[in-house]
């Protein structure tokens, strides 16, 4: 488990943008969907 954490940190330092872009895209998708579902629909 310690090797995994060290590898994760090393990968994050080497390629920060490419490493976190998928996570950020998924987060934005979830936020957008949840906002659209909770937003009042105006007719």
PDB file of N, CA and C in Angstrom:
ATOM      1  N   UNK A   1       0.826  -1.190   0.000  1.00  0.00           N
ATOM      2  CA  UNK A   1       0.000   0.000   0.000  1.00  0.00           C
ATOM      3  C   UNK A   1       0.871   1.255   0.000  1.00  0.00           C
ATOM      4  N   UNK A   2       1.964   1.218   0.711  1.00  0.00           N
ATOM      5  CA  UNK A   2       2.871   2.356   0.752  1.00  0.00           C
ATOM      6  C   UNK A   2       3.447   2.638  -0.636  1.00  0.00           C
ATOM      7  N   UNK A   3       3.749   1.574  -1.403  1.00  0.00           N
ATOM      8  CA  UNK A   3       4.266   1.765  -2.760  1.00  0.00           C
ATOM      9  C   UNK A   3       3.236   2.465  -3.639  1.00  0.00           C
ATOM     10  N   UNK A   4       1.964   2.121  -3.453  1.00  0.00           N
ATOM     11  CA  UNK A   4       0.903   2.763  -4.234  1.00  0.00           C
ATOM     12  C   UNK A   4       0.860   4.263  -3.959  1.00  0.00           C
ATOM     13  N   UNK A   5       0.926   4.639  -2.689  1.00  0.00           N
ATOM     14  CA  UNK A   5       0.869   6.054  -2.315  1.00  0.00           C
ATOM     15  C   UNK A   5       2.068   6.796  -2.890  1.00  0.00           C
ATOM     16  N   UNK A   6       3.243   6.208  -2.796  1.00  0.00           N
ATOM     17  CA  UNK A   6       4.441   6.857  -3.341  1.00  0.00           C
ATOM     18  C   UNK A   6       4.336   6.991  -4.860  1.00  0.00           C
ATOM     19  N   UNK A   7       3.835   5.968  -5.536  1.00  0.00           N
ATOM     20  CA  UNK A   7       3.651   6.039  -6.985  1.00  0.00           C
ATOM     21  C   UNK A   7       2.622   7.076  -7.384  1.00  0.00           C
ATOM     22  N   UNK A   8       1.558   7.165  -6.610  1.00  0.00           N
ATOM     23  CA  UNK A   8       0.518   8.160  -6.871  1.00  0.00           C
ATOM     24  C   UNK A   8       1.086   9.564  -6.764  1.00  0.00           C
ATOM     25  N   UNK A   9       1.847   9.821  -5.710  1.00  0.00           N
ATOM     26  CA  UNK A   9       2.450  11.147  -5.507  1.00  0.00           C
ATOM     27  C   UNK A   9       3.445  11.450  -6.618  1.00  0.00           C
ATOM     28  N   UNK A  10       4.252  10.465  -6.993  1.00  0.00           N
ATOM     29  CA  UNK A  10       5.231  10.671  -8.068  1.00  0.00           C
ATOM     30  C   UNK A  10       4.521  10.994  -9.379  1.00  0.00           C
ATOM     31  N   UNK A  11       3.464  10.262  -9.697  1.00  0.00           N
ATOM     32  CA  UNK A  11       2.700  10.520 -10.918  1.00  0.00           C
ATOM     33  C   UNK A  11       2.046  11.889 -10.907  1.00  0.00           C
ATOM     34  N   UNK A  12       1.531  12.292  -9.754  1.00  0.00           N
ATOM     35  CA  UNK A  12       0.891  13.602  -9.644  1.00  0.00           C
ATOM     36  C   UNK A  12       1.897  14.724  -9.839  1.00  0.00           C
ATOM     37  N   UNK A  13       3.111  14.541  -9.359  1.00  0.00           N
ATOM     38  CA  UNK A  13       4.138  15.576  -9.515  1.00  0.00           C
ATOM     39  C   UNK A  13       4.657  15.643 -10.948  1.00  0.00           C
ATOM     40  N   UNK A  14       4.739  14.499 -11.628  1.00  0.00           N
ATOM     41  CA  UNK A  14       5.284  14.484 -12.987  1.00  0.00           C
ATOM     42  C   UNK A  14       4.298  15.037 -14.015  1.00  0.00           C
ATOM     43  N   UNK A  15       3.033  14.676 -13.891  1.00  0.00           N
ATOM     44  CA  UNK A  15       2.048  15.097 -14.882  1.00  0.00           C
ATOM     45  C   UNK A  15       0.790  15.604 -14.202  1.00  0.00           C
ATOM     46  N   UNK A  16       0.856  16.765 -13.566  1.00  0.00           N
ATOM     47  CA  UNK A  16      -0.302  17.222 -12.801  1.00  0.00           C
ATOM     48  C   UNK A  16      -1.539  17.479 -13.653  1.00  0.00           C
ATOM     49  N   UNK A  17      -1.402  18.123 -14.811  1.00  0.00           N
ATOM     50  CA  UNK A  17      -2.578  18.449 -15.610  1.00  0.00           C
ATOM     51  C   UNK A  17      -3.204  17.184 -16.193  1.00  0.00           C
ATOM     52  N   UNK A  18      -2.410  16.338 -16.794  1.00  0.00           N
ATOM     53  CA  UNK A  18      -2.936  15.114 -17.388  1.00  0.00           C
ATOM     54  C   UNK A  18      -3.426  14.124 -16.347  1.00  0.00           C
ATOM     55  N   UNK A  19      -2.886  14.223 -15.164  1.00  0.00           N
ATOM     56  CA  UNK A  19      -3.245  13.283 -14.098  1.00  0.00           C
ATOM     57  C   UNK A  19      -4.599  13.628 -13.494  1.00  0.00           C
ATOM     58  N   UNK A  20      -4.883  14.915 -13.339  1.00  0.00           N
ATOM     59  CA  UNK A  20      -6.109  15.325 -12.669  1.00  0.00           C
ATOM     60  C   UNK A  20      -7.232  15.731 -13.609  1.00  0.00           C
ATOM     61  N   UNK A  21      -6.967  15.871 -14.900  1.00  0.00           N
ATOM     62  CA  UNK A  21      -8.001  16.291 -15.835  1.00  0.00           C
ATOM     63  C   UNK A  21      -9.208  15.357 -15.848  1.00  0.00           C
ATOM     64  N   UNK A  22      -9.031  14.029 -15.900  1.00  0.00           N
ATOM     65  CA  UNK A  22     -10.221  13.157 -15.872  1.00  0.00           C
ATOM     66  C   UNK A  22     -11.040  13.302 -14.592  1.00  0.00           C
ATOM     67  N   UNK A  23     -10.397  13.459 -13.469  1.00  0.00           N
ATOM     68  CA  UNK A  23     -11.124  13.618 -12.210  1.00  0.00           C
ATOM     69  C   UNK A  23     -11.892  14.936 -12.192  1.00  0.00           C
ATOM     70  N   UNK A  24     -11.287  15.989 -12.700  1.00  0.00           N
ATOM     71  CA  UNK A  24     -11.953  17.290 -12.736  1.00  0.00           C
ATOM     72  C   UNK A  24     -13.134  17.248 -13.699  1.00  0.00           C
ATOM     73  N   UNK A  25     -12.957  16.586 -14.850  1.00  0.00           N
ATOM     74  CA  UNK A  25     -14.057  16.473 -15.810  1.00  0.00           C
ATOM     75  C   UNK A  25     -15.229  15.700 -15.213  1.00  0.00           C
ATOM     76  N   UNK A  26     -14.948  14.628 -14.504  1.00  0.00           N
ATOM     77  CA  UNK A  26     -16.002  13.850 -13.866  1.00  0.00           C
ATOM     78  C   UNK A  26     -16.702  14.676 -12.789  1.00  0.00           C
ATOM     79  N   UNK A  27     -15.948  15.420 -12.001  1.00  0.00           N
ATOM     80  CA  UNK A  27     -16.526  16.267 -10.959  1.00  0.00           C
ATOM     81  C   UNK A  27     -17.466  17.302 -11.566  1.00  0.00           C
ATOM     82  N   UNK A  28     -17.029  17.957 -12.647  1.00  0.00           N
ATOM     83  CA  UNK A  28     -17.859  18.977 -13.288  1.00  0.00           C
ATOM     84  C   UNK A  28     -19.121  18.367 -13.877  1.00  0.00           C
ATOM     85  N   UNK A  29     -19.010  17.156 -14.422  1.00  0.00           N
ATOM     86  CA  UNK A  29     -20.182  16.465 -14.954  1.00  0.00           C
ATOM     87  C   UNK A  29     -21.184  16.184 -13.841  1.00  0.00           C
ATOM     88  N   UNK A  30     -20.701  15.664 -12.711  1.00  0.00           N
ATOM     89  CA  UNK A  30     -21.591  15.363 -11.592  1.00  0.00           C
ATOM     90  C   UNK A  30     -22.240  16.625 -11.037  1.00  0.00           C
ATOM     91  N   UNK A  31     -21.488  17.705 -10.930  1.00  0.00           N
ATOM     92  CA  UNK A  31     -22.041  18.958 -10.427  1.00  0.00           C
ATOM     93  C   UNK A  31     -23.102  19.486 -11.396  1.00  0.00           C
ATOM     94  N   UNK A  32     -22.806  19.437 -12.688  1.00  0.00           N
ATOM     95  CA  UNK A  32     -23.771  19.916 -13.683  1.00  0.00           C
ATOM     96  C   UNK A  32     -25.060  19.115 -13.681  1.00  0.00           C
ATOM     97  N   UNK A  33     -24.944  17.808 -13.571  1.00  0.00           N
ATOM     98  CA  UNK A  33     -26.138  16.959 -13.552  1.00  0.00           C
ATOM     99  C   UNK A  33     -26.942  17.199 -12.284  1.00  0.00           C
ATOM    100  N   UNK A  34     -26.275  17.279 -11.145  1.00  0.00           N
ATOM    101  CA  UNK A  34     -27.002  17.486  -9.891  1.00  0.00           C
ATOM    102  C   UNK A  34     -27.680  18.858  -9.873  1.00  0.00           C
ATOM    103  N   UNK A  35     -27.034  19.870 -10.432  1.00  0.00           N
ATOM    104  CA  UNK A  35     -27.658  21.193 -10.488  1.00  0.00           C
ATOM    105  C   UNK A  35     -28.866  21.188 -11.409  1.00  0.00           C
ATOM    106  N   UNK A  36     -28.759  20.501 -12.533  1.00  0.00           N
ATOM    107  CA  UNK A  36     -29.887  20.472 -13.459  1.00  0.00           C
ATOM    108  C   UNK A  36     -31.067  19.698 -12.879  1.00  0.00           C
ATOM    109  N   UNK A  37     -30.805  18.723 -12.051  1.00  0.00           N
ATOM    110  CA  UNK A  37     -31.888  17.956 -11.444  1.00  0.00           C
ATOM    111  C   UNK A  37     -32.551  18.708 -10.285  1.00  0.00           C
ATOM    112  N   UNK A  38     -31.789  19.519  -9.580  1.00  0.00           N
ATOM    113  CA  UNK A  38     -32.335  20.229  -8.426  1.00  0.00           C
ATOM    114  C   UNK A  38     -32.880  21.608  -8.777  1.00  0.00           C
ATOM    115  N   UNK A  39     -32.570  22.099  -9.959  1.00  0.00           N
ATOM    116  CA  UNK A  39     -33.005  23.417 -10.377  1.00  0.00           C
ATOM    117  C   UNK A  39     -34.509  23.387 -10.694  1.00  0.00           C
ATOM    118  N   UNK A  40     -35.205  24.452 -10.332  1.00  0.00           N
ATOM    119  CA  UNK A  40     -36.627  24.522 -10.641  1.00  0.00           C
ATOM    120  C   UNK A  40     -36.810  24.701 -12.133  1.00  0.00           C
ATOM    121  N   UNK A  41     -37.760  23.977 -12.671  1.00  0.00           N
ATOM    122  CA  UNK A  41     -38.051  24.089 -14.108  1.00  0.00           C
ATOM    123  C   UNK A  41     -39.071  25.181 -14.322  1.00  0.00           C
ATOM    124  N   UNK A  42     -38.735  26.142 -15.173  1.00  0.00           N
ATOM    125  CA  UNK A  42     -39.629  27.272 -15.476  1.00  0.00           C
ATOM    126  C   UNK A  42     -40.347  26.963 -16.768  1.00  0.00           C
ATOM    127  N   UNK A  43     -41.676  27.120 -16.727  1.00  0.00           N
ATOM    128  CA  UNK A  43     -42.467  26.860 -17.944  1.00  0.00           C
ATOM    129  C   UNK A  43     -43.020  28.135 -18.494  1.00  0.00           C
TER     130      UNK A  43
END
